[in-house]
PDB file of N, CA and C in Angstrom:
ATOM      1  N   MET A   1       9.434   5.167  12.492  1.00  0.00           N
ATOM      2  CA  MET A   1       8.627   4.132  13.084  1.00  0.00           C
ATOM      3  C   MET A   1       8.524   2.994  12.066  1.00  0.00           C
ATOM      4  N   LYS A   2       8.637   1.775  12.553  1.00  0.00           N
ATOM      5  CA  LYS A   2       8.512   0.588  11.709  1.00  0.00           C
ATOM      6  C   LYS A   2       7.128  -0.027  11.920  1.00  0.00           C
ATOM      7  N   ILE A   3       6.560  -0.509  10.837  1.00  0.00           N
ATOM      8  CA  ILE A   3       5.254  -1.165  10.850  1.00  0.00           C
ATOM      9  C   ILE A   3       5.406  -2.490  10.105  1.00  0.00           C
ATOM     10  N   TYR A   4       4.733  -3.529  10.595  1.00  0.00           N
ATOM     11  CA  TYR A   4       4.759  -4.811   9.890  1.00  0.00           C
ATOM     12  C   TYR A   4       3.815  -4.727   8.697  1.00  0.00           C
ATOM     13  N   ASN A   5       4.354  -4.960   7.513  1.00  0.00           N
ATOM     14  CA  ASN A   5       3.577  -4.935   6.283  1.00  0.00           C
ATOM     15  C   ASN A   5       3.125  -6.361   5.994  1.00  0.00           C
ATOM     16  N   THR A   6       1.825  -6.619   6.091  1.00  0.00           N
ATOM     17  CA  THR A   6       1.324  -7.975   5.874  1.00  0.00           C
ATOM     18  C   THR A   6       1.445  -8.400   4.414  1.00  0.00           C
ATOM     19  N   LEU A   7       1.542  -7.440   3.499  1.00  0.00           N
ATOM     20  CA  LEU A   7       1.696  -7.775   2.086  1.00  0.00           C
ATOM     21  C   LEU A   7       3.096  -8.314   1.793  1.00  0.00           C
ATOM     22  N   THR A   8       4.118  -7.636   2.321  1.00  0.00           N
ATOM     23  CA  THR A   8       5.505  -8.065   2.087  1.00  0.00           C
ATOM     24  C   THR A   8       6.027  -8.986   3.184  1.00  0.00           C
ATOM     25  N   ARG A   9       5.295  -9.037   4.292  1.00  0.00           N
ATOM     26  CA  ARG A   9       5.685  -9.826   5.468  1.00  0.00           C
ATOM     27  C   ARG A   9       7.025  -9.384   6.043  1.00  0.00           C
ATOM     28  N   LYS A  10       7.223  -8.062   6.025  1.00  0.00           N
ATOM     29  CA  LYS A  10       8.450  -7.484   6.569  1.00  0.00           C
ATOM     30  C   LYS A  10       8.115  -6.253   7.400  1.00  0.00           C
ATOM     31  N   LYS A  11       8.999  -5.952   8.351  1.00  0.00           N
ATOM     32  CA  LYS A  11       8.903  -4.680   9.059  1.00  0.00           C
ATOM     33  C   LYS A  11       9.476  -3.610   8.148  1.00  0.00           C
ATOM     34  N   GLU A  12       8.715  -2.538   7.964  1.00  0.00           N
ATOM     35  CA  GLU A  12       9.135  -1.471   7.064  1.00  0.00           C
ATOM     36  C   GLU A  12       8.929  -0.125   7.730  1.00  0.00           C
ATOM     37  N   ASP A  13       9.682   0.868   7.257  1.00  0.00           N
ATOM     38  CA  ASP A  13       9.459   2.231   7.737  1.00  0.00           C
ATOM     39  C   ASP A  13       8.046   2.654   7.368  1.00  0.00           C
ATOM     40  N   PHE A  14       7.381   3.333   8.301  1.00  0.00           N
ATOM     41  CA  PHE A  14       6.037   3.837   8.039  1.00  0.00           C
ATOM     42  C   PHE A  14       6.131   5.000   7.063  1.00  0.00           C
ATOM     43  N   LYS A  15       5.503   4.835   5.902  1.00  0.00           N
ATOM     44  CA  LYS A  15       5.466   5.886   4.884  1.00  0.00           C
ATOM     45  C   LYS A  15       4.009   6.080   4.483  1.00  0.00           C
ATOM     46  N   PRO A  16       3.386   7.163   4.935  1.00  0.00           N
ATOM     47  CA  PRO A  16       1.980   7.364   4.580  1.00  0.00           C
ATOM     48  C   PRO A  16       1.807   7.622   3.080  1.00  0.00           C
ATOM     49  N   ILE A  17       0.655   7.279   2.568  1.00  0.00           N
ATOM     50  CA  ILE A  17       0.346   7.515   1.156  1.00  0.00           C
ATOM     51  C   ILE A  17       0.362   9.016   0.869  1.00  0.00           C
ATOM     52  N   GLN A  18      -0.218   9.793   1.784  1.00  0.00           N
ATOM     53  CA  GLN A  18      -0.200  11.254   1.684  1.00  0.00           C
ATOM     54  C   GLN A  18       0.616  11.787   2.854  1.00  0.00           C
ATOM     55  N   ALA A  19       1.524  12.687   2.579  1.00  0.00           N
ATOM     56  CA  ALA A  19       2.361  13.256   3.644  1.00  0.00           C
ATOM     57  C   ALA A  19       1.491  13.875   4.729  1.00  0.00           C
ATOM     58  N   GLY A  20       1.802  13.523   5.972  1.00  0.00           N
ATOM     59  CA  GLY A  20       1.103  14.101   7.111  1.00  0.00           C
ATOM     60  C   GLY A  20      -0.246  13.489   7.428  1.00  0.00           C
ATOM     61  N   LYS A  21      -0.665  12.483   6.638  1.00  0.00           N
ATOM     62  CA  LYS A  21      -1.964  11.841   6.872  1.00  0.00           C
ATOM     63  C   LYS A  21      -1.767  10.346   7.069  1.00  0.00           C
ATOM     64  N   ALA A  22      -2.495   9.796   8.016  1.00  0.00           N
ATOM     65  CA  ALA A  22      -2.445   8.356   8.264  1.00  0.00           C
ATOM     66  C   ALA A  22      -3.864   7.810   8.214  1.00  0.00           C
ATOM     67  N   LEU A  23      -4.044   6.750   7.468  1.00  0.00           N
ATOM     68  CA  LEU A  23      -5.342   6.094   7.343  1.00  0.00           C
ATOM     69  C   LEU A  23      -5.250   4.722   7.997  1.00  0.00           C
ATOM     70  N   ILE A  24      -6.164   4.449   8.925  1.00  0.00           N
ATOM     71  CA  ILE A  24      -6.144   3.170   9.648  1.00  0.00           C
ATOM     72  C   ILE A  24      -7.519   2.523   9.530  1.00  0.00           C
ATOM     73  N   TYR A  25      -7.542   1.261   9.109  1.00  0.00           N
ATOM     74  CA  TYR A  25      -8.776   0.475   9.096  1.00  0.00           C
ATOM     75  C   TYR A  25      -8.546  -0.749   9.966  1.00  0.00           C
ATOM     76  N   VAL A  26      -9.498  -1.010  10.861  1.00  0.00           N
ATOM     77  CA  VAL A  26      -9.387  -2.137  11.784  1.00  0.00           C
ATOM     78  C   VAL A  26     -10.669  -2.957  11.725  1.00  0.00           C
ATOM     79  N   CYS A  27     -10.522  -4.270  11.611  1.00  0.00           N
ATOM     80  CA  CYS A  27     -11.683  -5.148  11.738  1.00  0.00           C
ATOM     81  C   CYS A  27     -12.102  -5.156  13.198  1.00  0.00           C
ATOM     82  N   GLY A  28     -13.302  -4.724  13.458  1.00  0.00           N
ATOM     83  CA  GLY A  28     -13.808  -4.681  14.824  1.00  0.00           C
ATOM     84  C   GLY A  28     -14.448  -6.000  15.219  1.00  0.00           C
ATOM     85  N   PRO A  29     -15.065  -6.032  16.389  1.00  0.00           N
ATOM     86  CA  PRO A  29     -15.647  -7.282  16.887  1.00  0.00           C
ATOM     87  C   PRO A  29     -16.954  -7.649  16.194  1.00  0.00           C
ATOM     88  N   THR A  30     -17.285  -8.929  16.288  1.00  0.00           N
ATOM     89  CA  THR A  30     -18.607  -9.404  15.902  1.00  0.00           C
ATOM     90  C   THR A  30     -19.501  -9.211  17.111  1.00  0.00           C
ATOM     91  N   VAL A  31     -20.620  -8.528  16.926  1.00  0.00           N
ATOM     92  CA  VAL A  31     -21.417  -8.097  18.078  1.00  0.00           C
ATOM     93  C   VAL A  31     -22.501  -9.117  18.448  1.00  0.00           C
ATOM     94  N   TYR A  32     -22.047 -10.331  18.781  1.00  0.00           N
ATOM     95  CA  TYR A  32     -22.963 -11.377  19.222  1.00  0.00           C
ATOM     96  C   TYR A  32     -22.981 -11.501  20.742  1.00  0.00           C
ATOM     97  N   ASN A  33     -21.959 -10.943  21.399  1.00  0.00           N
ATOM     98  CA  ASN A  33     -21.871 -11.004  22.849  1.00  0.00           C
ATOM     99  C   ASN A  33     -20.964  -9.866  23.311  1.00  0.00           C
ATOM    100  N   TYR A  34     -20.931  -9.656  24.610  1.00  0.00           N
ATOM    101  CA  TYR A  34     -20.140  -8.557  25.154  1.00  0.00           C
ATOM    102  C   TYR A  34     -18.656  -8.772  24.875  1.00  0.00           C
ATOM    103  N   ILE A  35     -17.912  -7.663  24.788  1.00  0.00           N
ATOM    104  CA  ILE A  35     -16.500  -7.774  24.440  1.00  0.00           C
ATOM    105  C   ILE A  35     -15.699  -8.418  25.572  1.00  0.00           C
ATOM    106  N   HIS A  36     -14.617  -9.066  25.177  1.00  0.00           N
ATOM    107  CA  HIS A  36     -13.693  -9.690  26.118  1.00  0.00           C
ATOM    108  C   HIS A  36     -12.283  -9.333  25.670  1.00  0.00           C
ATOM    109  N   ILE A  37     -11.299  -9.785  26.387  1.00  0.00           N
ATOM    110  CA  ILE A  37      -9.920  -9.393  26.102  1.00  0.00           C
ATOM    111  C   ILE A  37      -9.502  -9.778  24.682  1.00  0.00           C
ATOM    112  N   GLY A  38      -9.986 -10.895  24.190  1.00  0.00           N
ATOM    113  CA  GLY A  38      -9.610 -11.339  22.847  1.00  0.00           C
ATOM    114  C   GLY A  38     -10.066 -10.408  21.746  1.00  0.00           C
ATOM    115  N   ASN A  39     -11.330  -9.953  21.819  1.00  0.00           N
ATOM    116  CA  ASN A  39     -11.783  -9.078  20.739  1.00  0.00           C
ATOM    117  C   ASN A  39     -11.634  -7.595  21.058  1.00  0.00           C
ATOM    118  N   SER A  40     -11.183  -7.275  22.255  1.00  0.00           N
ATOM    119  CA  SER A  40     -10.908  -5.866  22.556  1.00  0.00           C
ATOM    120  C   SER A  40      -9.443  -5.511  22.293  1.00  0.00           C
ATOM    121  N   ARG A  41      -8.581  -6.512  22.223  1.00  0.00           N
ATOM    122  CA  ARG A  41      -7.153  -6.255  21.998  1.00  0.00           C
ATOM    123  C   ARG A  41      -6.887  -5.419  20.747  1.00  0.00           C
ATOM    124  N   PRO A  42      -7.438  -5.791  19.572  1.00  0.00           N
ATOM    125  CA  PRO A  42      -7.174  -4.958  18.392  1.00  0.00           C
ATOM    126  C   PRO A  42      -7.640  -3.515  18.570  1.00  0.00           C
ATOM    127  N   MET A  43      -8.766  -3.327  19.225  1.00  0.00           N
ATOM    128  CA  MET A  43      -9.254  -1.962  19.445  1.00  0.00           C
ATOM    129  C   MET A  43      -8.263  -1.164  20.284  1.00  0.00           C
ATOM    130  N   ILE A  44      -7.711  -1.800  21.302  1.00  0.00           N
ATOM    131  CA  ILE A  44      -6.758  -1.119  22.188  1.00  0.00           C
ATOM    132  C   ILE A  44      -5.444  -0.835  21.451  1.00  0.00           C
ATOM    133  N   VAL A  45      -4.933  -1.832  20.746  1.00  0.00           N
ATOM    134  CA  VAL A  45      -3.659  -1.674  20.035  1.00  0.00           C
ATOM    135  C   VAL A  45      -3.753  -0.565  18.995  1.00  0.00           C
ATOM    136  N   TYR A  46      -4.787  -0.602  18.168  1.00  0.00           N
ATOM    137  CA  TYR A  46      -4.880   0.378  17.088  1.00  0.00           C
ATOM    138  C   TYR A  46      -5.322   1.748  17.578  1.00  0.00           C
ATOM    139  N   ASP A  47      -6.042   1.802  18.683  1.00  0.00           N
ATOM    140  CA  ASP A  47      -6.340   3.111  19.265  1.00  0.00           C
ATOM    141  C   ASP A  47      -5.062   3.739  19.815  1.00  0.00           C
ATOM    142  N   THR A  48      -4.199   2.914  20.391  1.00  0.00           N
ATOM    143  CA  THR A  48      -2.907   3.416  20.870  1.00  0.00           C
ATOM    144  C   THR A  48      -2.073   3.942  19.702  1.00  0.00           C
ATOM    145  N   LEU A  49      -2.050   3.208  18.595  1.00  0.00           N
ATOM    146  CA  LEU A  49      -1.344   3.671  17.398  1.00  0.00           C
ATOM    147  C   LEU A  49      -1.939   4.994  16.911  1.00  0.00           C
ATOM    148  N   ARG A  50      -3.258   5.070  16.861  1.00  0.00           N
ATOM    149  CA  ARG A  50      -3.939   6.298  16.430  1.00  0.00           C
ATOM    150  C   ARG A  50      -3.526   7.482  17.298  1.00  0.00           C
ATOM    151  N   ARG A  51      -3.552   7.277  18.608  1.00  0.00           N
ATOM    152  CA  ARG A  51      -3.193   8.356  19.536  1.00  0.00           C
ATOM    153  C   ARG A  51      -1.733   8.779  19.365  1.00  0.00           C
ATOM    154  N   TYR A  52      -0.849   7.818  19.139  1.00  0.00           N
ATOM    155  CA  TYR A  52       0.562   8.138  18.931  1.00  0.00           C
ATOM    156  C   TYR A  52       0.740   8.957  17.651  1.00  0.00           C
ATOM    157  N   LEU A  53       0.095   8.528  16.580  1.00  0.00           N
ATOM    158  CA  LEU A  53       0.210   9.261  15.316  1.00  0.00           C
ATOM    159  C   LEU A  53      -0.333  10.684  15.448  1.00  0.00           C
ATOM    160  N   LEU A  54      -1.431  10.842  16.171  1.00  0.00           N
ATOM    161  CA  LEU A  54      -1.951  12.193  16.435  1.00  0.00           C
ATOM    162  C   LEU A  54      -0.931  13.006  17.224  1.00  0.00           C
ATOM    163  N   TYR A  55      -0.335  12.386  18.217  1.00  0.00           N
ATOM    164  CA  TYR A  55       0.641  13.049  19.082  1.00  0.00           C
ATOM    165  C   TYR A  55       1.844  13.566  18.294  1.00  0.00           C
ATOM    166  N   ILE A  56       2.298  12.778  17.315  1.00  0.00           N
ATOM    167  CA  ILE A  56       3.470  13.213  16.548  1.00  0.00           C
ATOM    168  C   ILE A  56       3.090  14.061  15.331  1.00  0.00           C
ATOM    169  N   GLY A  57       1.821  14.433  15.242  1.00  0.00           N
ATOM    170  CA  GLY A  57       1.429  15.430  14.255  1.00  0.00           C
ATOM    171  C   GLY A  57       0.695  14.962  13.017  1.00  0.00           C
ATOM    172  N   TYR A  58       0.349  13.698  12.944  1.00  0.00           N
ATOM    173  CA  TYR A  58      -0.388  13.223  11.777  1.00  0.00           C
ATOM    174  C   TYR A  58      -1.865  13.581  11.876  1.00  0.00           C
ATOM    175  N   ASP A  59      -2.479  13.820  10.725  1.00  0.00           N
ATOM    176  CA  ASP A  59      -3.931  13.898  10.601  1.00  0.00           C
ATOM    177  C   ASP A  59      -4.377  12.451  10.397  1.00  0.00           C
ATOM    178  N   VAL A  60      -5.138  11.910  11.338  1.00  0.00           N
ATOM    179  CA  VAL A  60      -5.458  10.481  11.317  1.00  0.00           C
ATOM    180  C   VAL A  60      -6.933  10.258  11.017  1.00  0.00           C
ATOM    181  N   LYS A  61      -7.187   9.370  10.073  1.00  0.00           N
ATOM    182  CA  LYS A  61      -8.548   8.892   9.822  1.00  0.00           C
ATOM    183  C   LYS A  61      -8.569   7.438  10.268  1.00  0.00           C
ATOM    184  N   PHE A  62      -9.403   7.143  11.258  1.00  0.00           N
ATOM    185  CA  PHE A  62      -9.462   5.818  11.871  1.00  0.00           C
ATOM    186  C   PHE A  62     -10.856   5.248  11.629  1.00  0.00           C
ATOM    187  N   VAL A  63     -10.921   4.081  11.014  1.00  0.00           N
ATOM    188  CA  VAL A  63     -12.201   3.443  10.717  1.00  0.00           C
ATOM    189  C   VAL A  63     -12.173   2.025  11.268  1.00  0.00           C
ATOM    190  N   SER A  64     -13.256   1.649  11.928  1.00  0.00           N
ATOM    191  CA  SER A  64     -13.392   0.289  12.434  1.00  0.00           C
ATOM    192  C   SER A  64     -14.782  -0.221  12.079  1.00  0.00           C
ATOM    193  N   ASN A  65     -14.853  -1.468  11.656  1.00  0.00           N
ATOM    194  CA  ASN A  65     -16.165  -2.044  11.387  1.00  0.00           C
ATOM    195  C   ASN A  65     -16.643  -2.837  12.599  1.00  0.00           C
ATOM    196  N   PHE A  66     -17.906  -3.125  12.635  1.00  0.00           N
ATOM    197  CA  PHE A  66     -18.505  -4.037  13.600  1.00  0.00           C
ATOM    198  C   PHE A  66     -19.339  -5.009  12.787  1.00  0.00           C
ATOM    199  N   THR A  67     -19.030  -6.295  12.884  1.00  0.00           N
ATOM    200  CA  THR A  67     -19.797  -7.296  12.150  1.00  0.00           C
ATOM    201  C   THR A  67     -21.122  -7.496  12.869  1.00  0.00           C
ATOM    202  N   ASP A  68     -22.214  -7.178  12.176  1.00  0.00           N
ATOM    203  CA  ASP A  68     -23.517  -7.244  12.832  1.00  0.00           C
ATOM    204  C   ASP A  68     -24.428  -8.330  12.266  1.00  0.00           C
ATOM    205  N   ILE A  69     -23.863  -9.216  11.461  1.00  0.00           N
ATOM    206  CA  ILE A  69     -24.600 -10.400  11.031  1.00  0.00           C
ATOM    207  C   ILE A  69     -23.593 -11.504  10.692  1.00  0.00           C
ATOM    208  N   ASP A  70     -23.748 -12.626  11.350  1.00  0.00           N
ATOM    209  CA  ASP A  70     -22.981 -13.837  11.039  1.00  0.00           C
ATOM    210  C   ASP A  70     -23.615 -14.989  11.797  1.00  0.00           C
ATOM    211  N   ASP A  71     -23.050 -16.181  11.665  1.00  0.00           N
ATOM    212  CA  ASP A  71     -23.655 -17.373  12.261  1.00  0.00           C
ATOM    213  C   ASP A  71     -23.808 -17.275  13.777  1.00  0.00           C
ATOM    214  N   LYS A  72     -22.811 -16.721  14.464  1.00  0.00           N
ATOM    215  CA  LYS A  72     -22.890 -16.610  15.924  1.00  0.00           C
ATOM    216  C   LYS A  72     -24.069 -15.731  16.341  1.00  0.00           C
ATOM    217  N   ILE A  73     -24.283 -14.659  15.620  1.00  0.00           N
ATOM    218  CA  ILE A  73     -25.388 -13.741  15.932  1.00  0.00           C
ATOM    219  C   ILE A  73     -26.724 -14.420  15.640  1.00  0.00           C
ATOM    220  N   ILE A  74     -26.817 -15.067  14.494  1.00  0.00           N
ATOM    221  CA  ILE A  74     -28.057 -15.755  14.123  1.00  0.00           C
ATOM    222  C   ILE A  74     -28.377 -16.846  15.133  1.00  0.00           C
ATOM    223  N   ASN A  75     -27.380 -17.633  15.536  1.00  0.00           N
ATOM    224  CA  ASN A  75     -27.603 -18.707  16.513  1.00  0.00           C
ATOM    225  C   ASN A  75     -28.054 -18.161  17.857  1.00  0.00           C
ATOM    226  N   ARG A  76     -27.434 -17.080  18.306  1.00  0.00           N
ATOM    227  CA  ARG A  76     -27.834 -16.496  19.588  1.00  0.00           C
ATOM    228  C   ARG A  76     -29.263 -15.965  19.507  1.00  0.00           C
ATOM    229  N   ALA A  77     -29.620 -15.335  18.407  1.00  0.00           N
ATOM    230  CA  ALA A  77     -30.981 -14.818  18.235  1.00  0.00           C
ATOM    231  C   ALA A  77     -31.998 -15.961  18.261  1.00  0.00           C
ATOM    232  N   LYS A  78     -31.658 -17.079  17.630  1.00  0.00           N
ATOM    233  CA  LYS A  78     -32.546 -18.247  17.648  1.00  0.00           C
ATOM    234  C   LYS A  78     -32.694 -18.785  19.068  1.00  0.00           C
ATOM    235  N   GLU A  79     -31.577 -18.881  19.804  1.00  0.00           N
ATOM    236  CA  GLU A  79     -31.617 -19.370  21.188  1.00  0.00           C
ATOM    237  C   GLU A  79     -32.505 -18.493  22.064  1.00  0.00           C
ATOM    238  N   GLU A  80     -32.432 -17.182  21.857  1.00  0.00           N
ATOM    239  CA  GLU A  80     -33.200 -16.244  22.679  1.00  0.00           C
ATOM    240  C   GLU A  80     -34.564 -15.918  22.078  1.00  0.00           C
ATOM    241  N   ASN A  81     -34.827 -16.471  20.890  1.00  0.00           N
ATOM    242  CA  ASN A  81     -36.097 -16.257  20.201  1.00  0.00           C
ATOM    243  C   ASN A  81     -36.412 -14.766  20.016  1.00  0.00           C
ATOM    244  N   VAL A  82     -35.420 -14.044  19.521  1.00  0.00           N
ATOM    245  CA  VAL A  82     -35.569 -12.610  19.247  1.00  0.00           C
ATOM    246  C   VAL A  82     -34.977 -12.313  17.870  1.00  0.00           C
ATOM    247  N   PRO A  83     -35.360 -11.196  17.265  1.00  0.00           N
ATOM    248  CA  PRO A  83     -34.724 -10.825  15.998  1.00  0.00           C
ATOM    249  C   PRO A  83     -33.223 -10.574  16.206  1.00  0.00           C
ATOM    250  N   PHE A  84     -32.423 -10.930  15.215  1.00  0.00           N
ATOM    251  CA  PHE A  84     -30.975 -10.751  15.363  1.00  0.00           C
ATOM    252  C   PHE A  84     -30.620  -9.290  15.601  1.00  0.00           C
ATOM    253  N   THR A  85     -31.433  -8.378  15.094  1.00  0.00           N
ATOM    254  CA  THR A  85     -31.149  -6.950  15.284  1.00  0.00           C
ATOM    255  C   THR A  85     -31.250  -6.542  16.750  1.00  0.00           C
ATOM    256  N   ASP A  86     -32.067  -7.248  17.534  1.00  0.00           N
ATOM    257  CA  ASP A  86     -32.130  -6.960  18.978  1.00  0.00           C
ATOM    258  C   ASP A  86     -30.789  -7.278  19.636  1.00  0.00           C
ATOM    259  N   ILE A  87     -30.200  -8.389  19.238  1.00  0.00           N
ATOM    260  CA  ILE A  87     -28.898  -8.789  19.787  1.00  0.00           C
ATOM    261  C   ILE A  87     -27.843  -7.756  19.410  1.00  0.00           C
ATOM    262  N   THR A  88     -27.728  -7.492  18.126  1.00  0.00           N
ATOM    263  CA  THR A  88     -26.647  -6.631  17.651  1.00  0.00           C
ATOM    264  C   THR A  88     -26.787  -5.197  18.138  1.00  0.00           C
ATOM    265  N   LYS A  89     -28.000  -4.686  18.170  1.00  0.00           N
ATOM    266  CA  LYS A  89     -28.198  -3.298  18.610  1.00  0.00           C
ATOM    267  C   LYS A  89     -27.781  -3.125  20.065  1.00  0.00           C
ATOM    268  N   ASN A  90     -28.214  -4.026  20.922  1.00  0.00           N
ATOM    269  CA  ASN A  90     -27.884  -3.926  22.350  1.00  0.00           C
ATOM    270  C   ASN A  90     -26.387  -4.075  22.604  1.00  0.00           C
ATOM    271  N   ILE A  91     -25.775  -5.062  21.976  1.00  0.00           N
ATOM    272  CA  ILE A  91     -24.342  -5.287  22.178  1.00  0.00           C
ATOM    273  C   ILE A  91     -23.534  -4.127  21.602  1.00  0.00           C
ATOM    274  N   LEU A  92     -23.906  -3.658  20.416  1.00  0.00           N
ATOM    275  CA  LEU A  92     -23.172  -2.552  19.798  1.00  0.00           C
ATOM    276  C   LEU A  92     -23.240  -1.293  20.660  1.00  0.00           C
ATOM    277  N   MET A  93     -24.403  -0.982  21.198  1.00  0.00           N
ATOM    278  CA  MET A  93     -24.529   0.196  22.067  1.00  0.00           C
ATOM    279  C   MET A  93     -23.650   0.051  23.306  1.00  0.00           C
ATOM    280  N   HIS A  94     -23.601  -1.159  23.861  1.00  0.00           N
ATOM    281  CA  HIS A  94     -22.750  -1.426  25.026  1.00  0.00           C
ATOM    282  C   HIS A  94     -21.274  -1.211  24.672  1.00  0.00           C
ATOM    283  N   ILE A  95     -20.847  -1.757  23.539  1.00  0.00           N
ATOM    284  CA  ILE A  95     -19.452  -1.621  23.116  1.00  0.00           C
ATOM    285  C   ILE A  95     -19.110  -0.156  22.865  1.00  0.00           C
ATOM    286  N   LEU A  96     -19.978   0.563  22.184  1.00  0.00           N
ATOM    287  CA  LEU A  96     -19.702   1.970  21.882  1.00  0.00           C
ATOM    288  C   LEU A  96     -19.580   2.813  23.147  1.00  0.00           C
ATOM    289  N   LYS A  97     -20.368   2.497  24.170  1.00  0.00           N
ATOM    290  CA  LYS A  97     -20.237   3.217  25.444  1.00  0.00           C
ATOM    291  C   LYS A  97     -18.841   3.024  26.034  1.00  0.00           C
ATOM    292  N   ILE A  98     -18.308   1.826  25.882  1.00  0.00           N
ATOM    293  CA  ILE A  98     -16.989   1.517  26.437  1.00  0.00           C
ATOM    294  C   ILE A  98     -15.879   2.168  25.617  1.00  0.00           C
ATOM    295  N   VAL A  99     -15.928   2.024  24.302  1.00  0.00           N
ATOM    296  CA  VAL A  99     -14.812   2.478  23.470  1.00  0.00           C
ATOM    297  C   VAL A  99     -14.818   3.976  23.197  1.00  0.00           C
ATOM    298  N   MET A 100     -15.899   4.656  23.447  1.00  0.00           N
ATOM    299  CA  MET A 100     -15.957   6.091  23.173  1.00  0.00           C
ATOM    300  C   MET A 100     -15.478   6.928  24.355  1.00  0.00           C
ATOM    301  N   VAL A 101     -14.853   6.296  25.327  1.00  0.00           N
ATOM    302  CA  VAL A 101     -14.355   7.017  26.505  1.00  0.00           C
ATOM    303  C   VAL A 101     -13.152   7.844  26.138  1.00  0.00           C
TER     304      VAL A 101
END
């Protein structure tokens, strides 16, 4: 399997650091609003990669972050006159319900 290496900017054979193990880190969405096709695409692409690696026998560790504080979140909280944590908690719970299927 070939993977695009952003460091070398080339397609290279996939060679895990540890034999039989694959580590994947994905920048997740900023939780200021409900997910849409633009910010769900990486989740879908890398979940598909994760599932494929599991299928061919790799032990996969998959980690994704969710940005829960930034200008968009702060601005939305100000507009709605609520603490930013109210925004992020509600949106994050909604996203997790969708992606944990």
